[in-house]
C-alpha cells in the first residue's frame, strides 16, 4: 500500500478520495499500535530496570523529561462546555494499547465504543476530574464522541509522517456511530 496524497505531485493518477485517505490513516494508526506493542514486549523480554540516581545528573546523555515538557508546552487546547483544557503533548499510551487490544479482538476503528470505554479514554486525555466536571457541565453522549473523535484526529495529524495541512479537522456532526 502506498500513501495517498502527495499534493503537488503529478503522478498521472486520480487524487485519492476522502475514504481512501481515511482508510490509509487507519492503516497507519494500526501499524503504529502494533509497533508500540512489539516494543513493549521486547522491553519486557529484556527486563529493563532503571535505578534513579540523583548523583549522576551530570552524566545524562539525553533528558527525556525536558523533551516531554517542551512537547507538552505546545499541546493543543480545546474549549468544552465553556472551559479551556490542554490536551497531553502526545496521545496517551493507554489509548494506543486500547486500540491495539480492540484490533486484536477483531474490532474495526469504526466500531461502536460503549460509553464506559469512551469515558475511560477521555479520562486519559483530559484527566478524571476534568471529565467529571465536563459531564457535570452538561456534555451529552454524542458530544462526548465528538470530543474523542476530534482529539484522535488531532493526534493523527501530530504523528511523524502525517500529511498535515496545518489545521485540525472539526468535530463530527450528526450521529458519531455512523461510519
Foldseek 3Di string as FASTA:
>chain_A
DDQFDDPPDPPVDDHDDPVVNVVVLQVVLLVVLVVVVVVVVVCVVVVDDDDDDPVCVVVDPDDVVVVQVVLQVVFDWDAALRDIAGWRSAQDNVVSPVVNVCVVVPHGPLADDDPVVLLVSVCSTGNNVVSVVSVVSPQDPQNSLQVVVQVVQVNSCVDPPRDDPPDGDHTDDDRSSDD
